[in-house]
Amino acid sequence: MEDYLSERLIRETIALGGSNEANRDFSTKGIARRSGVSEPTLFARFPTKNELIDAANAYCGHRITIAYTGFVKEGLREQKLVDRALDRQIRERAETIYLLNYSHSVDHGGRNREVAISFRNLVIASGKDILSDYSFGNDEGFYIAFASLVRIIVVAASFVIRGVWPDSEAVRVSTYRRITGGVGHYLKGNDRP
């Protein structure tokens, strides 16, 4: 992060964007006010709202990849890894709802190419660590698989947060099965056609 104020603006973007319905109407004035600065100060750091949202997406992505990679380094795999990831996303309520509302997988327009490339590279590197038991043949495979894993966990956590689903063993097993159902045939050692 280039400076503390930029990080504070990003954190307030996530907090505000994670407390409303998905729309582009949450205000930069509100973000600036919550950060204790003027709107021109916000725009000096992030010239457009889309750039601020892209920076917040990258910030969330970075936090998630560090956390999930840490879970793997702790020796967590399969269901235990998914359980820990769900616990994290339920605990990080604003981030989870923000990602559901504004992440790169939801097209709200305007993408900073450099941010998108940096995010993709981070996801590929982390995906290879987190999905080390799988072989996708190329970087794009790791990117798609890891992005899908995160999306499934974010959606499941948001349903728990919003009270649509209970935080139960059945929900956790179902989430794990949705994740592995699409990538099971990529497990290393499996014979693939």
Protein backbone atom coordinates (compact mmCIF):
# COMPACT_ATOMS: atom_id res chain seq x y z
CA MET A 1 0.00 0.00 0.00
CA GLU A 2 1.50 3.31 -1.02
CA ASP A 3 0.43 5.17 2.11
CA TYR A 4 -1.75 5.03 5.18
CA LEU A 5 -4.40 7.40 3.80
CA SER A 6 -4.87 5.32 0.65
CA GLU A 7 -5.31 2.21 2.79
CA ARG A 8 -7.81 4.02 5.03
CA LEU A 9 -9.79 5.13 1.96
CA ILE A 10 -9.79 1.55 0.66
CA ARG A 11 -10.89 0.16 4.04
CA GLU A 12 -13.75 2.66 4.21
CA THR A 13 -14.73 1.78 0.63
CA ILE A 14 -14.95 -1.87 1.68
CA ALA A 15 -16.86 -1.01 4.86
CA LEU A 16 -19.36 1.18 3.02
CA GLY A 17 -19.63 -1.10 -0.02
CA GLY A 18 -20.07 -4.08 2.28
CA SER A 19 -22.96 -2.46 4.11
CA ASN A 20 -25.28 -1.81 1.16
CA GLU A 21 -26.86 -3.53 -1.81
CA ALA A 22 -24.76 -3.86 -4.95
CA ASN A 23 -24.86 -0.58 -6.81
CA ARG A 24 -22.54 2.15 -7.99
CA ASP A 25 -24.38 4.75 -5.96
CA PHE A 26 -22.43 4.49 -2.74
CA SER A 27 -20.81 7.84 -2.46
CA THR A 28 -17.21 8.96 -2.63
CA LYS A 29 -18.31 11.83 -0.37
CA GLY A 30 -19.37 9.24 2.21
CA ILE A 31 -16.08 7.38 1.88
CA ALA A 32 -14.10 10.61 2.24
CA ARG A 33 -16.18 11.73 5.23
CA ARG A 34 -15.76 8.35 6.97
CA SER A 35 -12.00 8.60 6.31
CA GLY A 36 -11.81 12.09 7.76
CA VAL A 37 -10.75 13.78 4.51
CA SER A 38 -12.31 15.84 1.75
CA GLU A 39 -13.55 14.36 -1.51
CA PRO A 40 -10.78 16.20 -3.47
CA THR A 41 -8.22 14.47 -1.23
CA LEU A 42 -9.80 11.10 -2.09
CA PHE A 43 -9.67 11.93 -5.82
CA ALA A 44 -6.03 12.99 -5.51
CA ARG A 45 -5.24 9.39 -4.56
CA PHE A 46 -7.88 7.66 -6.72
CA PRO A 47 -8.87 9.83 -9.71
CA THR A 48 -12.08 7.89 -10.36
CA LYS A 49 -14.50 5.84 -8.33
CA ASN A 50 -13.72 2.82 -10.53
CA GLU A 51 -10.02 3.10 -9.64
CA LEU A 52 -10.92 3.18 -5.95
CA ILE A 53 -13.13 0.11 -6.37
CA ASP A 54 -10.40 -1.69 -8.33
CA ALA A 55 -7.90 -0.88 -5.57
CA ALA A 56 -10.34 -2.18 -2.94
CA ASN A 57 -10.86 -5.38 -4.97
CA ALA A 58 -7.10 -5.90 -5.17
CA TYR A 59 -6.77 -5.21 -1.44
CA CYS A 60 -9.41 -7.85 -0.62
CA GLY A 61 -7.84 -10.30 -3.05
CA HIS A 62 -4.44 -9.80 -1.46
CA ARG A 63 -5.82 -10.35 2.05
CA ILE A 64 -7.67 -13.50 0.98
CA THR A 65 -4.73 -15.04 -0.84
CA ILE A 66 -2.43 -14.41 2.13
CA ALA A 67 -4.98 -15.89 4.54
CA TYR A 68 -5.78 -18.95 2.42
CA THR A 69 -2.10 -19.59 1.68
CA GLY A 70 -1.49 -19.43 5.45
CA PHE A 71 -4.16 -22.07 5.99
CA VAL A 72 -2.36 -24.37 3.54
CA LYS A 73 0.97 -23.73 5.29
CA GLU A 74 -0.73 -24.79 8.55
CA GLY A 75 -1.39 -28.12 6.86
CA LEU A 76 -5.10 -27.61 6.24
CA ARG A 77 -6.50 -29.37 3.19
CA GLU A 78 -9.85 -30.26 1.71
CA GLN A 79 -12.82 -29.81 4.07
CA LYS A 80 -10.70 -28.29 6.86
CA LEU A 81 -9.34 -25.66 4.46
CA VAL A 82 -12.84 -24.78 3.25
CA ASP A 83 -14.11 -24.61 6.85
CA ARG A 84 -11.33 -22.19 7.83
CA ALA A 85 -11.91 -20.10 4.71
CA LEU A 86 -15.65 -19.94 5.49
CA ASP A 87 -14.91 -18.97 9.10
CA ARG A 88 -12.67 -16.16 7.86
CA GLN A 89 -15.21 -14.83 5.39
CA ILE A 90 -18.03 -14.97 7.93
CA ARG A 91 -15.83 -13.07 10.40
CA GLU A 92 -14.80 -10.55 7.70
CA ARG A 93 -18.43 -9.63 7.03
CA ALA A 94 -17.89 -6.28 5.27
CA GLU A 95 -15.19 -7.72 3.02
CA THR A 96 -17.39 -10.68 2.08
CA ILE A 97 -20.42 -8.56 1.23
CA TYR A 98 -18.20 -6.02 -0.56
CA LEU A 99 -16.70 -8.77 -2.73
CA LEU A 100 -20.12 -10.18 -3.49
CA ASN A 101 -21.29 -6.70 -4.52
CA TYR A 102 -18.22 -5.29 -6.29
CA SER A 103 -15.59 -7.92 -7.06
CA HIS A 104 -13.96 -8.39 -10.45
CA SER A 105 -16.34 -11.22 -11.21
CA VAL A 106 -19.22 -8.72 -11.16
CA ASP A 107 -19.03 -6.35 -14.11
CA HIS A 108 -19.63 -2.83 -12.87
CA GLY A 109 -17.52 -1.28 -15.63
CA GLY A 110 -14.10 0.34 -15.62
CA ARG A 111 -11.11 -1.82 -15.01
CA ASN A 112 -7.59 -0.58 -14.44
CA ARG A 113 -5.48 -2.90 -16.60
CA GLU A 114 -2.44 -2.78 -14.29
CA VAL A 115 -4.56 -3.62 -11.24
CA ALA A 116 -6.26 -6.47 -13.12
CA ILE A 117 -2.92 -7.94 -14.26
CA SER A 118 -1.42 -7.62 -10.78
CA PHE A 119 -4.51 -9.28 -9.27
CA ARG A 120 -4.37 -12.10 -11.84
CA ASN A 121 -0.68 -12.74 -11.11
CA LEU A 122 -1.33 -12.82 -7.36
CA VAL A 123 -4.21 -15.25 -7.84
CA ILE A 124 -2.10 -17.54 -10.03
CA ALA A 125 0.80 -17.61 -7.56
CA SER A 126 -1.50 -18.19 -4.59
CA GLY A 127 -3.67 -20.62 -6.50
CA LYS A 128 -0.66 -22.81 -7.16
CA ASP A 129 0.09 -22.90 -3.43
CA ILE A 130 -3.48 -23.40 -2.30
CA LEU A 131 -4.37 -25.88 -5.04
CA SER A 132 -1.03 -27.71 -4.93
CA ASP A 133 -2.75 -31.10 -5.05
CA TYR A 134 -4.17 -30.26 -8.49
CA SER A 135 -2.68 -30.00 -11.95
CA PHE A 136 -4.40 -27.63 -14.37
CA GLY A 137 -1.76 -27.62 -17.08
CA ASN A 138 -1.40 -23.83 -17.32
CA ASP A 139 -1.66 -20.60 -15.35
CA GLU A 140 -5.13 -19.83 -16.66
CA GLY A 141 -6.41 -23.06 -15.11
CA PHE A 142 -5.09 -22.05 -11.68
CA TYR A 143 -6.57 -18.57 -12.10
CA ILE A 144 -10.03 -19.89 -12.97
CA ALA A 145 -9.99 -22.59 -10.29
CA PHE A 146 -8.84 -20.29 -7.48
CA ALA A 147 -11.22 -17.50 -8.50
CA SER A 148 -14.06 -20.05 -8.51
CA LEU A 149 -13.05 -21.39 -5.10
CA VAL A 150 -13.06 -17.88 -3.62
CA ARG A 151 -16.38 -17.02 -5.27
CA ILE A 152 -18.08 -20.15 -3.91
CA ILE A 153 -16.76 -19.45 -0.40
CA VAL A 154 -17.81 -15.77 -0.57
CA VAL A 155 -21.32 -16.67 -1.71
CA ALA A 156 -21.72 -19.36 0.96
CA ALA A 157 -20.38 -17.03 3.68
CA SER A 158 -22.72 -14.24 2.54
CA PHE A 159 -25.71 -16.58 2.78
CA VAL A 160 -24.69 -17.48 6.34
CA ILE A 161 -24.09 -13.81 7.23
CA ARG A 162 -27.50 -12.80 5.87
CA GLY A 163 -29.27 -15.68 7.64
CA VAL A 164 -30.31 -17.44 4.43
CA TRP A 165 -28.36 -20.56 5.41
CA PRO A 166 -27.43 -21.77 8.89
CA ASP A 167 -23.75 -22.10 9.75
CA SER A 168 -24.03 -25.88 9.85
CA GLU A 169 -22.01 -28.94 8.96
CA ALA A 170 -24.39 -29.63 6.06
CA VAL A 171 -23.73 -26.17 4.56
CA ARG A 172 -19.97 -26.61 4.97
CA VAL A 173 -19.96 -30.06 3.35
CA SER A 174 -22.15 -28.79 0.52
CA THR A 175 -19.78 -25.85 -0.05
CA TYR A 176 -16.80 -28.19 -0.15
CA ARG A 177 -18.58 -30.47 -2.61
CA ARG A 178 -19.42 -27.54 -4.91
CA ILE A 179 -15.76 -26.54 -4.92
CA THR A 180 -14.35 -30.01 -5.52
CA GLY A 181 -17.07 -31.18 -7.87
CA GLY A 182 -15.72 -29.07 -10.70
CA VAL A 183 -12.02 -29.72 -10.14
CA GLY A 184 -11.90 -33.30 -8.80
CA HIS A 185 -10.70 -34.76 -12.07
CA TYR A 186 -7.68 -32.40 -11.97
CA LEU A 187 -6.29 -34.05 -8.82
CA LYS A 188 -2.69 -35.07 -9.40
CA GLY A 189 -2.45 -38.78 -10.02
CA ASN A 190 -5.95 -39.12 -11.48
CA ASP A 191 -6.09 -40.53 -14.99
CA ARG A 192 -7.60 -37.90 -17.24
CA PRO A 193 -8.75 -38.38 -20.82
